[in-house]
Amino acid sequence: PVPDAYLGLASYDSSGNKMMEEWSPLVNITTDNAVDNGWQRVTLQVTVPSGTNKVQLLAGITANTSGMVFFDCIQLEKDDSAHLYNMLEDSGFEKSSGWSLDSGASRVGTSTVQGAKALKIDGVSLSSSSPNYAAKTKASQTVNVQGSKSDSYVFSGWAKANALPRKGDANSDSRFF
């Protein structure tokens, strides 16, 4: 299952068939502003199946989630450790290209790790007098790769959240991203 806010990676073969998908682990949403200004590192390590032709990277929130989450300094690296080379275009959301943004996702300059902008995903539509919970609002980017057996990729970035409880959750302290 996909957590309320997430980093995700799906791999596809040359015919466009989805071969696998994985999601980042749940992280408690109560980000402490005293630590890295509330930003937390989120990492997803994936070994893609042989025959992978491209990967789609996702940063977003799912339905029945309110509040907002910010993502910045998103990276995709081949291998299982950090490198200086990032396979993504516009990993800091500074430009208006590279990422496909759903309604509710935007580039903003109000909260960043580095640079002038970050990705903001808002879980509540502000155009309605009552909350209109998003149905999987996300930003995505597709990257061409050549998947051989045991190719490993690390998809990571910084995330900062502000109140993303599940709608109707009996335990209001159970907040995740």
Protein backbone atom coordinates (compact mmCIF):
# COMPACT_ATOMS: atom_id res chain seq x y z
CA PRO A 1 0.00 0.00 0.00
CA VAL A 2 1.05 3.58 -0.67
CA PRO A 3 1.52 5.80 2.40
CA ASP A 4 -0.28 9.15 2.68
CA ALA A 5 2.74 11.04 1.34
CA TYR A 6 5.48 9.19 -0.48
CA LEU A 7 8.35 8.77 -2.85
CA GLY A 8 7.66 5.98 -5.32
CA LEU A 9 9.37 4.30 -8.25
CA ALA A 10 7.77 2.17 -10.98
CA SER A 11 9.74 0.36 -13.70
CA TYR A 12 8.52 -0.33 -17.25
CA ASP A 13 9.73 -2.50 -20.12
CA SER A 14 10.17 -1.28 -23.71
CA SER A 15 6.49 -2.01 -24.47
CA GLY A 16 5.34 0.20 -21.59
CA ASN A 17 4.28 -2.67 -19.31
CA LYS A 18 4.72 -1.96 -15.59
CA MET A 19 7.19 -4.47 -14.17
CA MET A 20 7.30 -3.39 -10.54
CA GLU A 21 6.62 -0.50 -8.16
CA GLU A 22 7.94 0.30 -4.72
CA TRP A 23 7.23 3.04 -2.18
CA SER A 24 9.32 4.77 0.44
CA PRO A 25 8.88 3.64 4.03
CA LEU A 26 6.48 5.50 6.31
CA VAL A 27 8.05 8.33 8.22
CA ASN A 28 6.36 9.98 11.19
CA ILE A 29 5.02 13.32 10.01
CA THR A 30 5.76 15.30 13.13
CA THR A 31 8.75 17.07 11.62
CA ASP A 32 10.70 18.96 14.25
CA ASN A 33 11.56 22.48 13.06
CA ALA A 34 14.55 22.44 15.44
CA VAL A 35 16.15 19.67 13.34
CA ASP A 36 17.07 20.72 9.76
CA ASN A 37 14.20 23.24 9.82
CA GLY A 38 11.70 20.37 9.79
CA TRP A 39 13.15 18.65 6.71
CA GLN A 40 13.73 14.89 6.81
CA ARG A 41 15.65 12.74 4.33
CA VAL A 42 13.48 10.10 2.62
CA THR A 43 15.23 7.29 0.72
CA LEU A 44 14.00 4.42 -1.43
CA GLN A 45 16.51 1.83 -2.68
CA VAL A 46 15.23 -0.35 -5.53
CA THR A 47 16.67 -3.19 -7.59
CA VAL A 48 14.89 -3.06 -10.95
CA PRO A 49 14.03 -6.21 -12.92
CA SER A 50 16.04 -7.22 -15.95
CA GLY A 51 14.54 -5.66 -19.08
CA THR A 52 13.64 -2.36 -17.44
CA ASN A 53 13.61 0.37 -20.09
CA LYS A 54 12.45 3.35 -18.03
CA VAL A 55 11.50 4.28 -14.50
CA GLN A 56 8.81 6.70 -13.38
CA LEU A 57 9.53 8.58 -10.19
CA LEU A 58 6.71 9.88 -8.03
CA ALA A 59 6.53 12.31 -5.13
CA GLY A 60 3.05 12.90 -3.80
CA ILE A 61 0.15 12.32 -1.46
CA THR A 62 -2.78 9.95 -1.68
CA ALA A 63 -6.53 10.43 -1.32
CA ASN A 64 -8.00 11.21 2.11
CA THR A 65 -4.99 13.28 3.10
CA SER A 66 -5.17 16.91 4.15
CA GLY A 67 -2.44 19.44 4.82
CA MET A 68 0.65 19.87 2.70
CA VAL A 69 4.04 18.35 2.05
CA PHE A 70 7.16 19.87 0.49
CA PHE A 71 9.85 17.97 -1.43
CA ASP A 72 13.27 19.33 -2.44
CA CYS A 73 16.65 18.12 -3.71
CA ILE A 74 15.20 14.94 -5.24
CA GLN A 75 17.85 12.53 -6.59
CA LEU A 76 18.01 9.36 -8.65
CA GLU A 77 21.34 7.59 -8.61
CA LYS A 78 22.38 4.30 -10.14
CA ASP A 79 24.00 1.99 -7.60
CA ASP A 80 23.34 1.62 -3.91
CA SER A 81 25.25 4.65 -2.66
CA ALA A 82 25.20 8.41 -3.17
CA HIS A 83 27.03 9.94 -6.13
CA LEU A 84 27.59 13.44 -7.44
CA TYR A 85 25.72 12.56 -10.66
CA ASN A 86 21.95 12.92 -10.44
CA MET A 87 19.91 11.32 -13.25
CA LEU A 88 16.95 13.68 -12.77
CA GLU A 89 16.19 16.91 -14.57
CA ASP A 90 15.45 19.86 -12.27
CA SER A 91 15.84 18.02 -8.96
CA GLY A 92 15.39 21.28 -7.04
CA PHE A 93 12.18 22.33 -8.86
CA GLU A 94 13.82 25.58 -9.99
CA LYS A 95 12.67 25.38 -13.64
CA SER A 96 9.29 24.83 -15.22
CA SER A 97 10.41 21.64 -16.98
CA GLY A 98 11.32 18.08 -16.06
CA TRP A 99 8.40 17.26 -13.78
CA SER A 100 4.72 16.67 -14.60
CA LEU A 101 2.64 18.30 -11.88
CA ASP A 102 -0.94 17.32 -11.02
CA SER A 103 -3.43 19.94 -9.85
CA GLY A 104 -2.53 20.69 -6.24
CA ALA A 105 1.23 20.41 -6.91
CA SER A 106 3.31 23.54 -7.53
CA ARG A 107 6.81 24.98 -7.36
CA VAL A 108 7.08 27.46 -4.49
CA GLY A 109 9.78 29.58 -2.88
CA THR A 110 8.40 29.63 0.66
CA SER A 111 10.12 26.54 2.10
CA THR A 112 13.30 25.06 0.62
CA VAL A 113 16.32 22.99 1.58
CA GLN A 114 18.53 24.49 -1.11
CA GLY A 115 17.94 26.92 -3.95
CA ALA A 116 14.99 29.22 -4.51
CA LYS A 117 12.13 26.70 -4.94
CA ALA A 118 10.71 23.39 -3.75
CA LEU A 119 7.77 21.20 -4.70
CA LYS A 120 4.63 21.84 -2.64
CA ILE A 121 1.76 19.34 -2.72
CA ASP A 122 -1.46 20.45 -1.08
CA GLY A 123 -3.90 17.77 0.05
CA VAL A 124 -6.93 20.02 0.32
CA SER A 125 -8.50 21.93 -2.55
CA LEU A 126 -8.93 25.52 -1.43
CA SER A 127 -11.56 26.23 -4.10
CA SER A 128 -14.33 24.64 -2.04
CA SER A 129 -15.94 25.73 1.22
CA SER A 130 -15.50 22.19 2.56
CA PRO A 131 -12.33 20.11 2.25
CA ASN A 132 -12.04 18.34 -1.09
CA TYR A 133 -9.56 15.55 -0.50
CA ALA A 134 -7.15 14.98 -3.35
CA ALA A 135 -7.14 11.72 -5.26
CA LYS A 136 -3.44 10.95 -5.39
CA THR A 137 -1.90 14.34 -6.15
CA LYS A 138 1.69 13.95 -7.35
CA ALA A 139 4.63 15.15 -9.36
CA SER A 140 6.27 12.63 -11.68
CA GLN A 141 9.28 12.34 -13.95
CA THR A 142 10.18 9.50 -16.31
CA VAL A 143 13.84 8.57 -16.90
CA ASN A 144 15.16 6.19 -19.56
CA VAL A 145 17.39 3.46 -18.09
CA GLN A 146 18.83 0.13 -19.19
CA GLY A 147 17.89 -2.45 -16.57
CA SER A 148 20.16 -5.43 -16.21
CA LYS A 149 19.74 -8.09 -13.56
CA SER A 150 20.47 -6.60 -10.13
CA ASP A 151 20.74 -2.96 -11.25
CA SER A 152 20.19 -0.92 -8.13
CA TYR A 153 18.90 2.66 -7.93
CA VAL A 154 18.53 5.04 -5.01
CA PHE A 155 15.65 7.54 -5.18
CA SER A 156 15.84 10.08 -2.39
CA GLY A 157 15.04 13.61 -1.38
CA TRP A 158 14.11 15.89 1.46
CA ALA A 159 10.52 16.15 2.69
CA LYS A 160 8.79 18.47 5.12
CA ALA A 161 5.15 18.02 6.09
CA ASN A 162 2.46 20.07 7.74
CA ALA A 163 -0.48 18.07 9.15
CA LEU A 164 -1.19 15.19 6.79
CA PRO A 165 -3.62 13.09 8.85
CA ARG A 166 -5.79 10.52 7.12
CA LYS A 167 -9.39 11.63 6.77
CA GLY A 168 -11.51 9.89 9.38
CA ASP A 169 -8.51 8.47 11.25
CA ALA A 170 -9.60 7.66 14.80
CA ASN A 171 -6.08 8.26 16.08
CA SER A 172 -5.22 11.86 15.19
CA ASP A 173 -1.59 11.29 16.24
CA SER A 174 -1.07 8.74 13.42
CA ARG A 175 0.35 10.99 10.75
CA PHE A 176 2.74 9.75 8.10
CA PHE A 177 4.53 10.87 4.96
